[in-house]
PDB file of all heavy atoms in Angstrom:
ATOM      1  N   ILE A   1       7.083   3.960  -1.066  1.00  0.00           N
ATOM      2  CA  ILE A   1       6.336   3.144  -2.015  1.00  0.00           C
ATOM      3  C   ILE A   1       6.870   1.712  -1.998  1.00  0.00           C
ATOM      4  O   ILE A   1       6.148   0.733  -1.989  1.00  0.00           O
ATOM      5  CB  ILE A   1       6.394   3.745  -3.427  1.00  0.00           C
ATOM      6  CG1 ILE A   1       5.782   5.142  -3.440  1.00  0.00           C
ATOM      7  CG2 ILE A   1       5.700   2.851  -4.433  1.00  0.00           C
ATOM      8  CD1 ILE A   1       5.949   5.883  -4.752  1.00  0.00           C
ATOM      9  N   VAL A   2       8.203   1.619  -2.003  1.00  0.00           N
ATOM     10  CA  VAL A   2       8.854   0.292  -2.023  1.00  0.00           C
ATOM     11  C   VAL A   2       8.581  -0.439  -0.713  1.00  0.00           C
ATOM     12  O   VAL A   2       8.236  -1.628  -0.686  1.00  0.00           O
ATOM     13  CB  VAL A   2      10.352   0.460  -2.214  1.00  0.00           C
ATOM     14  CG1 VAL A   2      11.001  -0.902  -2.269  1.00  0.00           C
ATOM     15  CG2 VAL A   2      10.646   1.238  -3.497  1.00  0.00           C
ATOM     16  N   ARG A   3       8.689   0.290   0.421  1.00  0.00           N
ATOM     17  CA  ARG A   3       8.430  -0.341   1.712  1.00  0.00           C
ATOM     18  C   ARG A   3       7.014  -0.903   1.762  1.00  0.00           C
ATOM     19  O   ARG A   3       6.800  -2.009   2.225  1.00  0.00           O
ATOM     20  CB  ARG A   3       8.642   0.668   2.820  1.00  0.00           C
ATOM     21  CG  ARG A   3      10.120   1.160   2.961  1.00  0.00           C
ATOM     22  CD  ARG A   3      10.264   2.053   4.184  1.00  0.00           C
ATOM     23  NE  ARG A   3      11.655   2.441   4.317  1.00  0.00           N
ATOM     24  CZ  ARG A   3      12.148   3.621   3.949  1.00  0.00           C
ATOM     25  NH1 ARG A   3      11.319   4.559   3.450  1.00  0.00           N
ATOM     26  NH2 ARG A   3      13.435   3.915   4.073  1.00  0.00           N
ATOM     27  N   THR A   4       6.072  -0.096   1.341  1.00  0.00           N
ATOM     28  CA  THR A   4       4.688  -0.500   1.401  1.00  0.00           C
ATOM     29  C   THR A   4       4.441  -1.738   0.500  1.00  0.00           C
ATOM     30  O   THR A   4       3.681  -2.637   0.879  1.00  0.00           O
ATOM     31  CB  THR A   4       3.773   0.656   0.972  1.00  0.00           C
ATOM     32  OG1 THR A   4       3.870   1.703   1.916  1.00  0.00           O
ATOM     33  CG2 THR A   4       2.301   0.217   0.901  1.00  0.00           C
ATOM     34  N   ALA A   5       5.065  -1.765  -0.663  1.00  0.00           N
ATOM     35  CA  ALA A   5       4.871  -2.887  -1.570  1.00  0.00           C
ATOM     36  C   ALA A   5       5.390  -4.169  -0.943  1.00  0.00           C
ATOM     37  O   ALA A   5       4.798  -5.249  -1.057  1.00  0.00           O
ATOM     38  CB  ALA A   5       5.576  -2.601  -2.902  1.00  0.00           C
ATOM     39  N   VAL A   6       6.597  -4.105  -0.345  1.00  0.00           N
ATOM     40  CA  VAL A   6       7.186  -5.291   0.299  1.00  0.00           C
ATOM     41  C   VAL A   6       6.294  -5.766   1.454  1.00  0.00           C
ATOM     42  O   VAL A   6       6.038  -6.983   1.601  1.00  0.00           O
ATOM     43  CB  VAL A   6       8.613  -4.952   0.794  1.00  0.00           C
ATOM     44  CG1 VAL A   6       9.139  -6.104   1.660  1.00  0.00           C
ATOM     45  CG2 VAL A   6       9.546  -4.694  -0.375  1.00  0.00           C
ATOM     46  N   GLU A   7       5.816  -4.836   2.268  1.00  0.00           N
ATOM     47  CA  GLU A   7       4.988  -5.212   3.395  1.00  0.00           C
ATOM     48  C   GLU A   7       3.647  -5.795   2.918  1.00  0.00           C
ATOM     49  O   GLU A   7       3.169  -6.784   3.506  1.00  0.00           O
ATOM     50  CB  GLU A   7       4.747  -3.976   4.265  1.00  0.00           C
ATOM     51  CG  GLU A   7       6.007  -3.477   4.959  1.00  0.00           C
ATOM     52  CD  GLU A   7       5.908  -2.085   5.501  1.00  0.00           C
ATOM     53  OE1 GLU A   7       4.860  -1.415   5.310  1.00  0.00           O
ATOM     54  OE2 GLU A   7       6.840  -1.632   6.174  1.00  0.00           O
ATOM     55  N   ALA A   8       3.065  -5.221   1.897  1.00  0.00           N
ATOM     56  CA  ALA A   8       1.804  -5.734   1.381  1.00  0.00           C
ATOM     57  C   ALA A   8       1.992  -7.145   0.817  1.00  0.00           C
ATOM     58  O   ALA A   8       1.154  -8.018   1.018  1.00  0.00           O
ATOM     59  CB  ALA A   8       1.282  -4.801   0.280  1.00  0.00           C
ATOM     60  N   LEU A   9       3.069  -7.370   0.116  1.00  0.00           N
ATOM     61  CA  LEU A   9       3.361  -8.690  -0.443  1.00  0.00           C
ATOM     62  C   LEU A   9       3.533  -9.737   0.697  1.00  0.00           C
ATOM     63  O   LEU A   9       3.018 -10.832   0.598  1.00  0.00           O
ATOM     64  CB  LEU A   9       4.580  -8.678  -1.324  1.00  0.00           C
ATOM     65  CG  LEU A   9       4.948  -9.980  -1.989  1.00  0.00           C
ATOM     66  CD1 LEU A   9       3.830 -10.454  -2.910  1.00  0.00           C
ATOM     67  CD2 LEU A   9       6.253  -9.807  -2.836  1.00  0.00           C
ATOM     68  N   ALA A  10       4.218  -9.332   1.772  1.00  0.00           N
ATOM     69  CA  ALA A  10       4.371 -10.242   2.894  1.00  0.00           C
ATOM     70  C   ALA A  10       3.011 -10.615   3.479  1.00  0.00           C
ATOM     71  O   ALA A  10       2.772 -11.756   3.855  1.00  0.00           O
ATOM     72  CB  ALA A  10       5.268  -9.606   3.935  1.00  0.00           C
ATOM     73  N   ALA A  11       2.126  -9.647   3.573  1.00  0.00           N
ATOM     74  CA  ALA A  11       0.819  -9.902   4.145  1.00  0.00           C
ATOM     75  C   ALA A  11       0.026 -10.886   3.276  1.00  0.00           C
ATOM     76  O   ALA A  11      -0.635 -11.790   3.774  1.00  0.00           O
ATOM     77  CB  ALA A  11       0.038  -8.593   4.282  1.00  0.00           C
ATOM     78  N   VAL A  12       0.107 -10.712   1.961  1.00  0.00           N
ATOM     79  CA  VAL A  12      -0.610 -11.614   1.051  1.00  0.00           C
ATOM     80  C   VAL A  12      -0.021 -13.040   1.160  1.00  0.00           C
ATOM     81  O   VAL A  12      -0.738 -14.045   1.240  1.00  0.00           O
ATOM     82  CB  VAL A  12      -0.535 -11.090  -0.408  1.00  0.00           C
ATOM     83  CG1 VAL A  12      -1.122 -12.122  -1.376  1.00  0.00           C
ATOM     84  CG2 VAL A  12      -1.257  -9.758  -0.519  1.00  0.00           C
ATOM     85  N   LEU A  13       1.308 -13.110   1.157  1.00  0.00           N
ATOM     86  CA  LEU A  13       1.937 -14.443   1.257  1.00  0.00           C
ATOM     87  C   LEU A  13       1.657 -15.100   2.617  1.00  0.00           C
ATOM     88  O   LEU A  13       1.676 -16.297   2.736  1.00  0.00           O
ATOM     89  CB  LEU A  13       3.449 -14.317   1.038  1.00  0.00           C
ATOM     90  CG  LEU A  13       3.867 -13.870  -0.365  1.00  0.00           C
ATOM     91  CD1 LEU A  13       5.402 -13.646  -0.425  1.00  0.00           C
ATOM     92  CD2 LEU A  13       3.459 -14.907  -1.427  1.00  0.00           C
ATOM     93  N   GLY A  14       1.417 -14.253   3.631  1.00  0.00           N
ATOM     94  CA  GLY A  14       1.078 -14.799   4.936  1.00  0.00           C
ATOM     95  C   GLY A  14      -0.382 -15.169   5.136  1.00  0.00           C
ATOM     96  O   GLY A  14      -0.743 -15.729   6.128  1.00  0.00           O
ATOM     97  N   GLY A  15      -1.249 -14.823   4.134  1.00  0.00           N
ATOM     98  CA  GLY A  15      -2.637 -15.297   4.207  1.00  0.00           C
ATOM     99  C   GLY A  15      -3.647 -14.276   4.615  1.00  0.00           C
ATOM    100  O   GLY A  15      -4.746 -14.640   5.044  1.00  0.00           O
ATOM    101  N   THR A  16      -3.357 -13.001   4.508  1.00  0.00           N
ATOM    102  CA  THR A  16      -4.304 -11.996   4.942  1.00  0.00           C
ATOM    103  C   THR A  16      -5.614 -12.078   4.114  1.00  0.00           C
ATOM    104  O   THR A  16      -5.598 -12.424   2.913  1.00  0.00           O
ATOM    105  CB  THR A  16      -3.707 -10.550   4.818  1.00  0.00           C
ATOM    106  OG1 THR A  16      -4.571  -9.643   5.538  1.00  0.00           O
ATOM    107  CG2 THR A  16      -3.591 -10.086   3.394  1.00  0.00           C
ATOM    108  N   ASN A  17      -6.710 -11.699   4.741  1.00  0.00           N
ATOM    109  CA  ASN A  17      -8.016 -11.729   4.081  1.00  0.00           C
ATOM    110  C   ASN A  17      -8.346 -10.386   3.422  1.00  0.00           C
ATOM    111  O   ASN A  17      -9.165 -10.329   2.517  1.00  0.00           O
ATOM    112  CB  ASN A  17      -9.124 -12.114   5.040  1.00  0.00           C
ATOM    113  CG  ASN A  17      -8.882 -13.497   5.644  1.00  0.00           C
ATOM    114  OD1 ASN A  17      -8.561 -13.617   6.819  1.00  0.00           O
ATOM    115  ND2 ASN A  17      -9.029 -14.539   4.866  1.00  0.00           N
ATOM    116  N   SER A  18      -7.813  -9.313   3.954  1.00  0.00           N
ATOM    117  CA  SER A  18      -7.991  -8.001   3.386  1.00  0.00           C
ATOM    118  C   SER A  18      -6.789  -7.144   3.707  1.00  0.00           C
ATOM    119  O   SER A  18      -5.987  -7.503   4.550  1.00  0.00           O
ATOM    120  CB  SER A  18      -9.291  -7.325   3.858  1.00  0.00           C
ATOM    121  OG  SER A  18      -9.245  -7.191   5.261  1.00  0.00           O
ATOM    122  N   LEU A  19      -6.668  -6.008   3.016  1.00  0.00           N
ATOM    123  CA  LEU A  19      -5.362  -5.320   3.068  1.00  0.00           C
ATOM    124  C   LEU A  19      -5.585  -3.813   2.922  1.00  0.00           C
ATOM    125  O   LEU A  19      -6.461  -3.362   2.169  1.00  0.00           O
ATOM    126  CB  LEU A  19      -4.492  -5.824   1.917  1.00  0.00           C
ATOM    127  CG  LEU A  19      -3.071  -5.269   1.791  1.00  0.00           C
ATOM    128  CD1 LEU A  19      -2.237  -5.644   3.005  1.00  0.00           C
ATOM    129  CD2 LEU A  19      -2.424  -5.835   0.545  1.00  0.00           C
ATOM    130  N   HIS A  20      -4.827  -3.056   3.664  1.00  0.00           N
ATOM    131  CA  HIS A  20      -4.742  -1.606   3.494  1.00  0.00           C
ATOM    132  C   HIS A  20      -3.283  -1.236   3.236  1.00  0.00           C
ATOM    133  O   HIS A  20      -2.387  -1.650   4.030  1.00  0.00           O
ATOM    134  CB  HIS A  20      -5.242  -0.857   4.759  1.00  0.00           C
ATOM    135  CG  HIS A  20      -5.029   0.615   4.672  1.00  0.00           C
ATOM    136  ND1 HIS A  20      -5.938   1.477   4.143  1.00  0.00           N
ATOM    137  CD2 HIS A  20      -3.953   1.391   5.056  1.00  0.00           C
ATOM    138  CE1 HIS A  20      -5.466   2.731   4.231  1.00  0.00           C
ATOM    139  NE2 HIS A  20      -4.260   2.713   4.774  1.00  0.00           N
ATOM    140  N   THR A  21      -3.038  -0.483   2.201  1.00  0.00           N
ATOM    141  CA  THR A  21      -1.649  -0.040   1.929  1.00  0.00           C
ATOM    142  C   THR A  21      -1.566   1.456   2.225  1.00  0.00           C
ATOM    143  O   THR A  21      -2.359   2.249   1.736  1.00  0.00           O
ATOM    144  CB  THR A  21      -1.288  -0.302   0.441  1.00  0.00           C
ATOM    145  OG1 THR A  21      -2.445  -0.029  -0.396  1.00  0.00           O
ATOM    146  CG2 THR A  21      -0.828  -1.726   0.242  1.00  0.00           C
ATOM    147  N   ASN A  22      -0.526   1.816   3.020  1.00  0.00           N
ATOM    148  CA  ASN A  22      -0.325   3.214   3.352  1.00  0.00           C
ATOM    149  C   ASN A  22       0.200   4.011   2.174  1.00  0.00           C
ATOM    150  O   ASN A  22       0.895   3.478   1.335  1.00  0.00           O
ATOM    151  CB  ASN A  22       0.654   3.309   4.523  1.00  0.00           C
ATOM    152  CG  ASN A  22       0.069   2.869   5.812  1.00  0.00           C
ATOM    153  OD1 ASN A  22      -1.118   3.029   6.075  1.00  0.00           O
ATOM    154  ND2 ASN A  22       0.874   2.297   6.687  1.00  0.00           N
ATOM    155  N   ALA A  23      -0.103   5.302   2.193  1.00  0.00           N
ATOM    156  CA  ALA A  23       0.383   6.189   1.151  1.00  0.00           C
ATOM    157  C   ALA A  23       1.784   6.713   1.503  1.00  0.00           C
ATOM    158  O   ALA A  23       2.123   6.802   2.700  1.00  0.00           O
ATOM    159  CB  ALA A  23      -0.588   7.353   0.959  1.00  0.00           C
ATOM    160  N   LEU A  24       2.541   7.070   0.493  1.00  0.00           N
ATOM    161  CA  LEU A  24       3.935   7.452   0.737  1.00  0.00           C
ATOM    162  C   LEU A  24       4.069   8.698   1.589  1.00  0.00           C
ATOM    163  O   LEU A  24       5.099   8.930   2.246  1.00  0.00           O
ATOM    164  CB  LEU A  24       4.643   7.640  -0.610  1.00  0.00           C
ATOM    165  CG  LEU A  24       4.204   8.844  -1.467  1.00  0.00           C
ATOM    166  CD1 LEU A  24       5.152  10.024  -1.291  1.00  0.00           C
ATOM    167  CD2 LEU A  24       4.159   8.438  -2.945  1.00  0.00           C
ATOM    168  N   ASP A  25       3.049   9.601   1.594  1.00  0.00           N
ATOM    169  CA  ASP A  25       3.166  10.842   2.294  1.00  0.00           C
ATOM    170  C   ASP A  25       2.452  10.857   3.657  1.00  0.00           C
ATOM    171  O   ASP A  25       2.355  11.886   4.302  1.00  0.00           O
ATOM    172  CB  ASP A  25       2.560  11.993   1.436  1.00  0.00           C
ATOM    173  CG  ASP A  25       1.132  11.737   0.987  1.00  0.00           C
ATOM    174  OD1 ASP A  25       0.634  10.665   1.308  1.00  0.00           O
ATOM    175  OD2 ASP A  25       0.587  12.597   0.325  1.00  0.00           O
ATOM    176  N   GLU A  26       2.018   9.689   4.121  1.00  0.00           N
ATOM    177  CA  GLU A  26       1.295   9.635   5.400  1.00  0.00           C
ATOM    178  C   GLU A  26       2.146  10.027   6.603  1.00  0.00           C
ATOM    179  O   GLU A  26       1.629  10.426   7.648  1.00  0.00           O
ATOM    180  CB  GLU A  26       0.682   8.262   5.631  1.00  0.00           C
ATOM    181  CG  GLU A  26      -0.537   8.001   4.718  1.00  0.00           C
ATOM    182  CD  GLU A  26      -1.295   6.763   5.139  1.00  0.00           C
ATOM    183  OE1 GLU A  26      -1.389   6.433   6.323  1.00  0.00           O
ATOM    184  OE2 GLU A  26      -1.779   6.069   4.209  1.00  0.00           O
ATOM    185  N   VAL A  27       3.461   9.896   6.481  1.00  0.00           N
ATOM    186  CA  VAL A  27       4.354  10.298   7.545  1.00  0.00           C
ATOM    187  C   VAL A  27       4.422  11.828   7.714  1.00  0.00           C
ATOM    188  O   VAL A  27       4.848  12.368   8.724  1.00  0.00           O
ATOM    189  CB  VAL A  27       5.773   9.724   7.313  1.00  0.00           C
ATOM    190  CG1 VAL A  27       6.452  10.397   6.141  1.00  0.00           C
ATOM    191  CG2 VAL A  27       6.605   9.780   8.559  1.00  0.00           C
ATOM    192  N   LEU A  28       3.919  12.529   6.658  1.00  0.00           N
ATOM    193  CA  LEU A  28       4.000  14.011   6.644  1.00  0.00           C
ATOM    194  C   LEU A  28       2.633  14.693   6.819  1.00  0.00           C
ATOM    195  O   LEU A  28       2.538  15.786   7.388  1.00  0.00           O
ATOM    196  CB  LEU A  28       4.600  14.480   5.340  1.00  0.00           C
ATOM    197  CG  LEU A  28       6.041  13.997   5.075  1.00  0.00           C
ATOM    198  CD1 LEU A  28       6.400  14.245   3.629  1.00  0.00           C
ATOM    199  CD2 LEU A  28       7.000  14.707   5.981  1.00  0.00           C
ATOM    200  N   ALA A  29       1.585  14.039   6.324  1.00  0.00           N
ATOM    201  CA  ALA A  29       0.260  14.675   6.362  1.00  0.00           C
ATOM    202  C   ALA A  29      -0.781  13.627   5.952  1.00  0.00           C
ATOM    203  O   ALA A  29      -0.415  12.457   5.696  1.00  0.00           O
ATOM    204  CB  ALA A  29       0.214  15.820   5.362  1.00  0.00           C
ATOM    205  N   LEU A  30      -2.047  14.031   5.899  1.00  0.00           N
ATOM    206  CA  LEU A  30      -3.054  13.155   5.324  1.00  0.00           C
ATOM    207  C   LEU A  30      -2.683  12.861   3.863  1.00  0.00           C
ATOM    208  O   LEU A  30      -2.132  13.746   3.211  1.00  0.00           O
ATOM    209  CB  LEU A  30      -4.401  13.818   5.406  1.00  0.00           C
ATOM    210  CG  LEU A  30      -5.034  13.948   6.797  1.00  0.00           C
ATOM    211  CD1 LEU A  30      -6.308  14.777   6.725  1.00  0.00           C
ATOM    212  CD2 LEU A  30      -5.299  12.576   7.401  1.00  0.00           C
ATOM    213  N   PRO A  31      -2.980  11.676   3.339  1.00  0.00           N
ATOM    214  CA  PRO A  31      -2.575  11.337   1.990  1.00  0.00           C
ATOM    215  C   PRO A  31      -3.185  12.294   0.948  1.00  0.00           C
ATOM    216  O   PRO A  31      -4.365  12.644   1.006  1.00  0.00           O
ATOM    217  CB  PRO A  31      -3.114   9.930   1.799  1.00  0.00           C
ATOM    218  CG  PRO A  31      -3.331   9.401   3.171  1.00  0.00           C
ATOM    219  CD  PRO A  31      -3.672  10.543   4.032  1.00  0.00           C
ATOM    220  N   GLY A  32      -2.347  12.684   0.021  1.00  0.00           N
ATOM    221  CA  GLY A  32      -2.874  13.401  -1.154  1.00  0.00           C
ATOM    222  C   GLY A  32      -3.459  12.405  -2.149  1.00  0.00           C
ATOM    223  O   GLY A  32      -3.269  11.194  -2.027  1.00  0.00           O
ATOM    224  N   GLU A  33      -4.189  12.887  -3.130  1.00  0.00           N
ATOM    225  CA  GLU A  33      -4.907  12.023  -4.029  1.00  0.00           C
ATOM    226  C   GLU A  33      -3.932  11.167  -4.840  1.00  0.00           C
ATOM    227  O   GLU A  33      -4.167   9.947  -5.035  1.00  0.00           O
ATOM    228  CB  GLU A  33      -5.771  12.832  -4.979  1.00  0.00           C
ATOM    229  CG  GLU A  33      -7.008  13.415  -4.335  1.00  0.00           C
ATOM    230  CD  GLU A  33      -7.973  14.064  -5.326  1.00  0.00           C
ATOM    231  OE1 GLU A  33      -7.591  14.167  -6.523  1.00  0.00           O
ATOM    232  OE2 GLU A  33      -9.048  14.454  -4.938  1.00  0.00           O
ATOM    233  N   ALA A  34      -2.850  11.751  -5.323  1.00  0.00           N
ATOM    234  CA  ALA A  34      -1.883  10.965  -6.142  1.00  0.00           C
ATOM    235  C   ALA A  34      -1.243   9.862  -5.292  1.00  0.00           C
ATOM    236  O   ALA A  34      -1.076   8.716  -5.749  1.00  0.00           O
ATOM    237  CB  ALA A  34      -0.816  11.888  -6.757  1.00  0.00           C
ATOM    238  N   ALA A  35      -0.842  10.228  -4.058  1.00  0.00           N
ATOM    239  CA  ALA A  35      -0.226   9.201  -3.196  1.00  0.00           C
ATOM    240  C   ALA A  35      -1.195   8.113  -2.827  1.00  0.00           C
ATOM    241  O   ALA A  35      -0.815   6.907  -2.781  1.00  0.00           O
ATOM    242  CB  ALA A  35       0.325   9.884  -1.931  1.00  0.00           C
ATOM    243  N   ALA A  36      -2.463   8.464  -2.588  1.00  0.00           N
ATOM    244  CA  ALA A  36      -3.462   7.444  -2.258  1.00  0.00           C
ATOM    245  C   ALA A  36      -3.681   6.518  -3.464  1.00  0.00           C
ATOM    246  O   ALA A  36      -3.878   5.314  -3.303  1.00  0.00           O
ATOM    247  CB  ALA A  36      -4.771   8.114  -1.881  1.00  0.00           C
ATOM    248  N   GLU A  37      -3.651   7.077  -4.647  1.00  0.00           N
ATOM    249  CA  GLU A  37      -3.788   6.254  -5.858  1.00  0.00           C
ATOM    250  C   GLU A  37      -2.657   5.290  -6.000  1.00  0.00           C
ATOM    251  O   GLU A  37      -2.858   4.114  -6.328  1.00  0.00           O
ATOM    252  CB  GLU A  37      -3.925   7.123  -7.093  1.00  0.00           C
ATOM    253  CG  GLU A  37      -4.189   6.313  -8.359  1.00  0.00           C
ATOM    254  CD  GLU A  37      -4.376   7.222  -9.581  1.00  0.00           C
ATOM    255  OE1 GLU A  37      -5.518   7.698  -9.765  1.00  0.00           O
ATOM    256  OE2 GLU A  37      -3.374   7.391 -10.316  1.00  0.00           O
ATOM    257  N   THR A  38      -1.434   5.736  -5.733  1.00  0.00           N
ATOM    258  CA  THR A  38      -0.285   4.856  -5.827  1.00  0.00           C
ATOM    259  C   THR A  38      -0.387   3.728  -4.825  1.00  0.00           C
ATOM    260  O   THR A  38      -0.040   2.556  -5.148  1.00  0.00           O
ATOM    261  CB  THR A  38       1.020   5.644  -5.561  1.00  0.00           C
ATOM    262  OG1 THR A  38       1.153   6.670  -6.576  1.00  0.00           O
ATOM    263  CG2 THR A  38       2.223   4.731  -5.616  1.00  0.00           C
ATOM    264  N   ALA A  39      -0.889   4.026  -3.633  1.00  0.00           N
ATOM    265  CA  ALA A  39      -1.089   2.983  -2.605  1.00  0.00           C
ATOM    266  C   ALA A  39      -2.088   1.935  -3.060  1.00  0.00           C
ATOM    267  O   ALA A  39      -1.895   0.743  -2.904  1.00  0.00           O
ATOM    268  CB  ALA A  39      -1.539   3.608  -1.298  1.00  0.00           C
ATOM    269  N   LEU A  40      -3.167   2.438  -3.697  1.00  0.00           N
ATOM    270  CA  LEU A  40      -4.164   1.513  -4.236  1.00  0.00           C
ATOM    271  C   LEU A  40      -3.597   0.698  -5.379  1.00  0.00           C
ATOM    272  O   LEU A  40      -3.794  -0.524  -5.430  1.00  0.00           O
ATOM    273  CB  LEU A  40      -5.399   2.322  -4.722  1.00  0.00           C
ATOM    274  CG  LEU A  40      -6.464   1.525  -5.470  1.00  0.00           C
ATOM    275  CD1 LEU A  40      -7.093   0.506  -4.546  1.00  0.00           C
ATOM    276  CD2 LEU A  40      -7.533   2.491  -6.010  1.00  0.00           C
ATOM    277  N   ARG A  41      -2.882   1.309  -6.282  1.00  0.00           N
ATOM    278  CA  ARG A  41      -2.275   0.602  -7.414  1.00  0.00           C
ATOM    279  C   ARG A  41      -1.297  -0.467  -6.939  1.00  0.00           C
ATOM    280  O   ARG A  41      -1.122  -1.514  -7.597  1.00  0.00           O
ATOM    281  CB  ARG A  41      -1.599   1.572  -8.350  1.00  0.00           C
ATOM    282  CG  ARG A  41      -2.579   2.551  -9.064  1.00  0.00           C
ATOM    283  CD  ARG A  41      -3.493   1.820 -10.025  1.00  0.00           C
ATOM    284  NE  ARG A  41      -4.400   2.813 -10.667  1.00  0.00           N
ATOM    285  CZ  ARG A  41      -5.656   2.914 -10.354  1.00  0.00           C
ATOM    286  NH1 ARG A  41      -6.239   2.155  -9.449  1.00  0.00           N
ATOM    287  NH2 ARG A  41      -6.411   3.843 -11.002  1.00  0.00           N
ATOM    288  N   THR A  42      -0.599  -0.212  -5.801  1.00  0.00           N
ATOM    289  CA  THR A  42       0.295  -1.211  -5.256  1.00  0.00           C
ATOM    290  C   THR A  42      -0.440  -2.507  -4.964  1.00  0.00           C
ATOM    291  O   THR A  42      -0.005  -3.588  -5.314  1.00  0.00           O
ATOM    292  CB  THR A  42       0.938  -0.675  -3.949  1.00  0.00           C
ATOM    293  OG1 THR A  42       1.657   0.526  -4.256  1.00  0.00           O
ATOM    294  CG2 THR A  42       1.875  -1.707  -3.356  1.00  0.00           C
ATOM    295  N   GLN A  43      -1.604  -2.387  -4.336  1.00  0.00           N
ATOM    296  CA  GLN A  43      -2.428  -3.562  -4.091  1.00  0.00           C
ATOM    297  C   GLN A  43      -2.878  -4.232  -5.403  1.00  0.00           C
ATOM    298  O   GLN A  43      -2.857  -5.464  -5.537  1.00  0.00           O
ATOM    299  CB  GLN A  43      -3.683  -3.198  -3.285  1.00  0.00           C
ATOM    300  CG  GLN A  43      -3.431  -2.870  -1.832  1.00  0.00           C
ATOM    301  CD  GLN A  43      -4.710  -3.031  -1.032  1.00  0.00           C
ATOM    302  OE1 GLN A  43      -5.465  -3.985  -1.177  1.00  0.00           O
ATOM    303  NE2 GLN A  43      -4.968  -2.042  -0.150  1.00  0.00           N
ATOM    304  N   GLN A  44      -3.300  -3.386  -6.346  1.00  0.00           N
ATOM    305  CA  GLN A  44      -3.820  -3.942  -7.584  1.00  0.00           C
ATOM    306  C   GLN A  44      -2.754  -4.646  -8.406  1.00  0.00           C
ATOM    307  O   GLN A  44      -3.076  -5.625  -9.062  1.00  0.00           O
ATOM    308  CB  GLN A  44      -4.518  -2.811  -8.330  1.00  0.00           C
ATOM    309  CG  GLN A  44      -5.782  -2.347  -7.662  1.00  0.00           C
ATOM    310  CD  GLN A  44      -6.362  -1.052  -8.211  1.00  0.00           C
ATOM    311  OE1 GLN A  44      -5.578  -0.236  -8.792  1.00  0.00           O
ATOM    312  NE2 GLN A  44      -7.645  -0.833  -8.101  1.00  0.00           N
ATOM    313  N   VAL A  45      -1.555  -4.133  -8.416  1.00  0.00           N
ATOM    314  CA  VAL A  45      -0.461  -4.815  -9.129  1.00  0.00           C
ATOM    315  C   VAL A  45      -0.213  -6.191  -8.492  1.00  0.00           C
ATOM    316  O   VAL A  45      -0.053  -7.188  -9.196  1.00  0.00           O
ATOM    317  CB  VAL A  45       0.820  -3.972  -9.143  1.00  0.00           C
ATOM    318  CG1 VAL A  45       2.016  -4.783  -9.592  1.00  0.00           C
ATOM    319  CG2 VAL A  45       0.620  -2.744 -10.023  1.00  0.00           C
ATOM    320  N   ILE A  46      -0.169  -6.206  -7.157  1.00  0.00           N
ATOM    321  CA  ILE A  46       0.026  -7.506  -6.474  1.00  0.00           C
ATOM    322  C   ILE A  46      -1.093  -8.480  -6.845  1.00  0.00           C
ATOM    323  O   ILE A  46      -0.890  -9.657  -7.124  1.00  0.00           O
ATOM    324  CB  ILE A  46       0.105  -7.319  -4.945  1.00  0.00           C
ATOM    325  CG1 ILE A  46       1.395  -6.544  -4.590  1.00  0.00           C
ATOM    326  CG2 ILE A  46       0.037  -8.624  -4.210  1.00  0.00           C
ATOM    327  CD1 ILE A  46       1.491  -6.154  -3.137  1.00  0.00           C
ATOM    328  N   MET A  47      -2.343  -7.966  -6.856  1.00  0.00           N
ATOM    329  CA  MET A  47      -3.509  -8.810  -7.075  1.00  0.00           C
ATOM    330  C   MET A  47      -3.614  -9.284  -8.520  1.00  0.00           C
ATOM    331  O   MET A  47      -3.851 -10.487  -8.819  1.00  0.00           O
ATOM    332  CB  MET A  47      -4.793  -8.081  -6.686  1.00  0.00           C
ATOM    333  CG  MET A  47      -6.065  -8.842  -6.934  1.00  0.00           C
ATOM    334  SD  MET A  47      -7.542  -7.961  -6.393  1.00  0.00           S
ATOM    335  CE  MET A  47      -7.551  -6.569  -7.538  1.00  0.00           C
TER     336      MET A  47
END
């Protein structure tokens, strides 16, 4: 979660036009609903 937040913030500061944030469990399986929501909320907090 922390890694994704740092990477997403770097992308925004670098001027990205759109963004996808990975879910915390993608290294293990397809994202679960809770993990996907956290990934979405990461973007929304930044925004």
